[in-house]
């Protein structure tokens, strides 16, 4: 199963649309910032928390970047 197939099936199962366009890219960036700014397990949980927050994908990305240490500090 590809990622696209999984996301489409999961979206249908839980009754939400699959993120698209700029939101898709911003959410992947949130996961990347979380995974690289801490332990990898932070990525999926940060994305869940973001979804629960109701904030936009851009706002979530900005928040993740504020929280993560600078890349050279890791």
N, C-alpha and C. Protein backbone atom coordinates (compact mmCIF):
# COMPACT_ATOMS: atom_id res chain seq x y z
N UNK A 1 0.86 -1.17 0.00
CA UNK A 1 0.00 0.00 0.00
C UNK A 1 0.90 1.23 0.00
N UNK A 2 0.63 2.16 -0.88
CA UNK A 2 1.40 3.39 -0.93
C UNK A 2 0.91 4.36 0.15
N UNK A 3 1.69 5.39 0.40
CA UNK A 3 1.27 6.41 1.36
C UNK A 3 -0.02 7.07 0.91
N UNK A 4 -0.13 7.37 -0.37
CA UNK A 4 -1.35 8.00 -0.89
C UNK A 4 -2.56 7.11 -0.70
N UNK A 5 -2.40 5.82 -0.96
CA UNK A 5 -3.50 4.88 -0.78
C UNK A 5 -3.90 4.79 0.69
N UNK A 6 -2.90 4.71 1.58
CA UNK A 6 -3.20 4.65 3.00
C UNK A 6 -3.92 5.91 3.46
N UNK A 7 -3.40 7.08 3.08
CA UNK A 7 -4.01 8.33 3.51
C UNK A 7 -5.44 8.46 3.01
N UNK A 8 -5.69 8.05 1.78
CA UNK A 8 -7.05 8.12 1.23
C UNK A 8 -7.99 7.19 2.01
N UNK A 9 -7.53 5.98 2.28
CA UNK A 9 -8.37 5.03 3.02
C UNK A 9 -8.58 5.49 4.46
N UNK A 10 -7.52 5.98 5.08
CA UNK A 10 -7.61 6.46 6.47
C UNK A 10 -8.54 7.66 6.56
N UNK A 11 -8.41 8.58 5.62
CA UNK A 11 -9.28 9.76 5.60
C UNK A 11 -10.75 9.35 5.47
N UNK A 12 -11.02 8.40 4.60
CA UNK A 12 -12.39 7.93 4.43
C UNK A 12 -12.89 7.26 5.72
N UNK A 13 -12.02 6.52 6.37
CA UNK A 13 -12.39 5.81 7.59
C UNK A 13 -12.73 6.77 8.73
N UNK A 14 -11.97 7.86 8.85
CA UNK A 14 -12.19 8.77 9.98
C UNK A 14 -13.01 10.00 9.59
N UNK A 15 -13.37 10.12 8.33
CA UNK A 15 -14.28 11.18 7.90
C UNK A 15 -13.67 12.56 7.77
N UNK A 16 -12.41 12.62 7.37
CA UNK A 16 -11.75 13.91 7.13
C UNK A 16 -11.08 13.88 5.76
N UNK A 17 -10.83 15.05 5.18
CA UNK A 17 -10.12 15.06 3.90
C UNK A 17 -8.62 14.84 4.10
N UNK A 18 -7.99 14.34 3.07
CA UNK A 18 -6.53 14.23 3.06
C UNK A 18 -5.97 15.64 2.86
N UNK A 19 -4.99 16.05 3.66
CA UNK A 19 -4.39 17.37 3.44
C UNK A 19 -3.85 17.46 2.02
N UNK A 20 -3.95 18.65 1.46
CA UNK A 20 -3.49 18.84 0.08
C UNK A 20 -2.75 20.16 -0.05
N UNK A 21 -2.01 20.31 -1.11
CA UNK A 21 -1.35 21.56 -1.45
C UNK A 21 -0.42 22.04 -0.35
N UNK A 22 -0.50 23.34 -0.04
CA UNK A 22 0.40 23.91 0.97
C UNK A 22 0.23 23.27 2.35
N UNK A 23 -0.98 22.86 2.70
CA UNK A 23 -1.19 22.20 4.00
C UNK A 23 -0.41 20.89 4.07
N UNK A 24 -0.42 20.13 2.98
CA UNK A 24 0.30 18.86 2.92
C UNK A 24 1.77 19.09 3.20
N UNK A 25 2.36 20.06 2.51
CA UNK A 25 3.78 20.37 2.68
C UNK A 25 4.08 20.89 4.08
N UNK A 26 3.22 21.76 4.62
CA UNK A 26 3.44 22.30 5.95
C UNK A 26 3.36 21.22 7.02
N UNK A 27 2.43 20.30 6.88
CA UNK A 27 2.30 19.23 7.87
C UNK A 27 3.49 18.29 7.82
N UNK A 28 3.99 18.01 6.63
CA UNK A 28 5.21 17.20 6.53
C UNK A 28 6.39 17.93 7.18
N UNK A 29 6.42 19.25 7.02
CA UNK A 29 7.48 20.04 7.63
C UNK A 29 7.36 20.02 9.15
N UNK A 30 6.13 20.08 9.69
CA UNK A 30 5.93 19.98 11.13
C UNK A 30 6.52 18.66 11.64
N UNK A 31 6.20 17.57 10.96
CA UNK A 31 6.71 16.26 11.36
C UNK A 31 8.24 16.24 11.30
N UNK A 32 8.80 16.85 10.27
CA UNK A 32 10.26 16.88 10.12
C UNK A 32 10.91 17.69 11.24
N UNK A 33 10.36 18.86 11.54
CA UNK A 33 10.91 19.70 12.61
C UNK A 33 10.85 18.94 13.93
N UNK A 34 9.72 18.30 14.21
CA UNK A 34 9.57 17.55 15.46
C UNK A 34 10.55 16.38 15.52
N UNK A 35 10.69 15.66 14.43
CA UNK A 35 11.56 14.49 14.42
C UNK A 35 13.04 14.86 14.52
N UNK A 36 13.41 15.95 13.88
CA UNK A 36 14.81 16.34 13.89
C UNK A 36 15.17 17.25 15.06
N UNK A 37 14.17 17.85 15.70
CA UNK A 37 14.42 18.72 16.83
C UNK A 37 14.41 17.99 18.16
N UNK A 38 14.01 16.73 18.13
CA UNK A 38 13.96 15.92 19.34
C UNK A 38 14.07 14.46 18.93
N UNK A 39 13.44 13.59 19.68
CA UNK A 39 13.39 12.19 19.30
C UNK A 39 12.35 12.00 18.20
N UNK A 40 12.56 11.03 17.34
CA UNK A 40 11.67 10.81 16.19
C UNK A 40 10.23 10.58 16.60
N UNK A 41 10.01 9.99 17.75
CA UNK A 41 8.63 9.70 18.16
C UNK A 41 7.81 10.96 18.37
N UNK A 42 8.46 12.11 18.47
CA UNK A 42 7.73 13.37 18.63
C UNK A 42 6.92 13.72 17.38
N UNK A 43 7.36 13.27 16.22
CA UNK A 43 6.70 13.66 14.96
C UNK A 43 5.24 13.25 14.90
N UNK A 44 4.91 11.97 15.06
CA UNK A 44 3.49 11.62 14.94
C UNK A 44 2.64 12.22 16.05
N UNK A 45 3.21 12.31 17.25
CA UNK A 45 2.43 12.86 18.35
C UNK A 45 2.23 14.36 18.19
N UNK A 46 3.24 15.06 17.70
CA UNK A 46 3.09 16.49 17.44
C UNK A 46 2.02 16.72 16.37
N UNK A 47 1.99 15.87 15.36
CA UNK A 47 0.96 16.01 14.32
C UNK A 47 -0.43 15.74 14.88
N UNK A 48 -0.56 14.75 15.75
CA UNK A 48 -1.85 14.50 16.38
C UNK A 48 -2.27 15.70 17.22
N UNK A 49 -1.33 16.24 18.00
CA UNK A 49 -1.63 17.39 18.84
C UNK A 49 -2.04 18.58 17.97
N UNK A 50 -1.36 18.75 16.85
CA UNK A 50 -1.71 19.82 15.93
C UNK A 50 -3.11 19.68 15.39
N UNK A 51 -3.48 18.45 15.03
CA UNK A 51 -4.83 18.22 14.55
C UNK A 51 -5.87 18.50 15.62
N UNK A 52 -5.56 18.12 16.85
CA UNK A 52 -6.49 18.36 17.95
C UNK A 52 -6.62 19.84 18.27
N UNK A 53 -5.57 20.62 17.95
CA UNK A 53 -5.58 22.04 18.29
C UNK A 53 -6.50 22.86 17.40
N UNK A 54 -6.72 22.41 16.18
CA UNK A 54 -7.53 23.17 15.25
C UNK A 54 -6.79 24.31 14.57
N UNK A 55 -5.48 24.47 14.85
CA UNK A 55 -4.69 25.52 14.22
C UNK A 55 -4.43 25.17 12.76
N UNK A 56 -4.11 26.17 11.97
CA UNK A 56 -3.78 25.93 10.57
C UNK A 56 -2.43 25.23 10.47
N UNK A 57 -2.17 24.60 9.34
CA UNK A 57 -0.89 23.94 9.13
C UNK A 57 0.25 24.93 9.21
N UNK A 58 0.07 26.12 8.68
CA UNK A 58 1.12 27.14 8.76
C UNK A 58 1.39 27.56 10.20
N UNK A 59 0.34 27.71 11.00
CA UNK A 59 0.52 28.06 12.41
C UNK A 59 1.23 26.94 13.17
N UNK A 60 0.90 25.71 12.84
CA UNK A 60 1.57 24.57 13.49
C UNK A 60 3.05 24.55 13.15
N UNK A 61 3.37 24.80 11.88
CA UNK A 61 4.77 24.81 11.48
C UNK A 61 5.53 25.93 12.20
N UNK A 62 4.93 27.10 12.29
CA UNK A 62 5.58 28.20 13.00
C UNK A 62 5.81 27.84 14.47
N UNK A 63 4.84 27.21 15.10
CA UNK A 63 4.98 26.81 16.50
C UNK A 63 6.08 25.77 16.66
N UNK A 64 6.12 24.80 15.77
CA UNK A 64 7.16 23.76 15.84
C UNK A 64 8.54 24.38 15.69
N UNK A 65 8.66 25.33 14.79
CA UNK A 65 9.96 25.98 14.59
C UNK A 65 10.36 26.82 15.80
N UNK A 66 9.38 27.40 16.51
CA UNK A 66 9.70 28.16 17.72
C UNK A 66 10.19 27.25 18.83
N UNK A 67 9.66 26.04 18.91
CA UNK A 67 9.98 25.11 19.98
C UNK A 67 11.28 24.36 19.73
N UNK A 68 11.55 23.99 18.49
CA UNK A 68 12.73 23.18 18.17
C UNK A 68 14.01 23.98 18.35
N UNK A 69 15.05 23.31 18.82
CA UNK A 69 16.33 24.00 18.92
C UNK A 69 16.87 24.32 17.52
N UNK A 70 17.69 25.35 17.41
CA UNK A 70 18.29 25.65 16.09
C UNK A 70 19.07 24.44 15.59
N UNK A 71 19.11 24.21 14.27
CA UNK A 71 19.79 23.02 13.73
C UNK A 71 21.23 22.86 14.21
N UNK A 72 21.97 23.96 14.40
CA UNK A 72 23.36 23.84 14.82
C UNK A 72 23.51 23.57 16.32
N UNK A 73 22.40 23.62 17.06
CA UNK A 73 22.45 23.37 18.50
C UNK A 73 22.25 21.90 18.84
N UNK A 74 21.88 21.11 17.85
CA UNK A 74 21.59 19.70 18.12
C UNK A 74 22.83 18.88 18.40
